[in-house]
Amino acid sequence: MIRGLGTALVLVAFVGLALWVFSPRRKKDFDEATQLPFADDPEAIRHLEQARASGSKQQ
């Protein structure tokens, strides 16, 4: 009985975490977080700004 409840609890936690991670509202936050390793690199910042500018022109 206890193992079944533990499994159900882990399943609910997994589904909740998956919904949170793949939520469209969190995409901007996660996209910004992926760029953190390059925050101190001026060349990477310039490349990112160029990519954003060309992306906004295409839309």
Protein backbone atom coordinates (compact mmCIF):
# COMPACT_ATOMS: atom_id res chain seq x y z
CA MET A 1 0.00 0.00 0.00
CA ILE A 2 2.76 2.46 0.95
CA ARG A 3 4.77 1.65 -2.19
CA GLY A 4 1.71 2.31 -4.33
CA LEU A 5 1.15 5.69 -2.68
CA GLY A 6 4.81 6.56 -3.11
CA THR A 7 4.65 5.64 -6.79
CA ALA A 8 1.51 7.72 -7.26
CA LEU A 9 3.15 10.68 -5.52
CA VAL A 10 6.24 10.46 -7.72
CA LEU A 11 4.05 10.17 -10.83
CA VAL A 12 2.07 13.29 -9.87
CA ALA A 13 5.31 15.18 -9.15
CA PHE A 14 6.76 14.11 -12.51
CA VAL A 15 3.68 15.18 -14.46
CA GLY A 16 3.55 18.50 -12.59
CA LEU A 17 7.23 19.18 -13.27
CA ALA A 18 6.86 18.28 -16.94
CA LEU A 19 3.90 20.64 -17.30
CA TRP A 20 5.84 23.41 -15.58
CA VAL A 21 8.96 22.93 -17.71
CA PHE A 22 7.11 22.78 -21.03
CA SER A 23 4.69 25.60 -20.25
CA PRO A 24 4.70 28.29 -22.97
CA ARG A 25 4.75 30.97 -20.26
CA ARG A 26 8.18 29.75 -19.08
CA LYS A 27 9.82 29.69 -22.53
CA LYS A 28 11.20 33.24 -22.33
CA ASP A 29 12.75 32.59 -18.90
CA PHE A 30 14.38 29.37 -20.05
CA ASP A 31 15.64 30.98 -23.27
CA GLU A 32 17.31 33.70 -21.23
CA ALA A 33 18.79 31.12 -18.87
CA THR A 34 20.39 29.24 -21.77
CA GLN A 35 22.36 32.39 -22.62
CA LEU A 36 23.82 32.90 -19.12
CA PRO A 37 27.13 31.09 -19.85
CA PHE A 38 27.79 33.63 -22.62
CA ALA A 39 26.90 36.75 -20.61
CA ASP A 40 30.56 37.81 -20.23
CA ASP A 41 31.55 37.18 -23.85
CA PRO A 42 31.18 40.34 -25.97
CA GLU A 43 31.37 38.41 -29.24
CA ALA A 44 28.58 36.06 -28.16
CA ILE A 45 26.43 39.02 -27.08
CA ARG A 46 26.94 40.70 -30.47
CA HIS A 47 26.02 37.45 -32.25
CA LEU A 48 22.89 37.07 -30.13
CA GLU A 49 21.79 40.64 -30.83
CA GLN A 50 22.28 40.11 -34.56
CA ALA A 51 20.23 36.91 -34.41
CA ARG A 52 17.43 38.69 -32.56
CA ALA A 53 17.46 41.55 -35.06
CA SER A 54 17.29 39.23 -38.05
CA GLY A 55 14.57 37.18 -36.33
CA SER A 56 12.41 40.24 -35.73
CA LYS A 57 12.81 41.29 -39.39
CA GLN A 58 11.56 37.90 -40.60
CA GLN A 59 8.39 38.05 -38.53
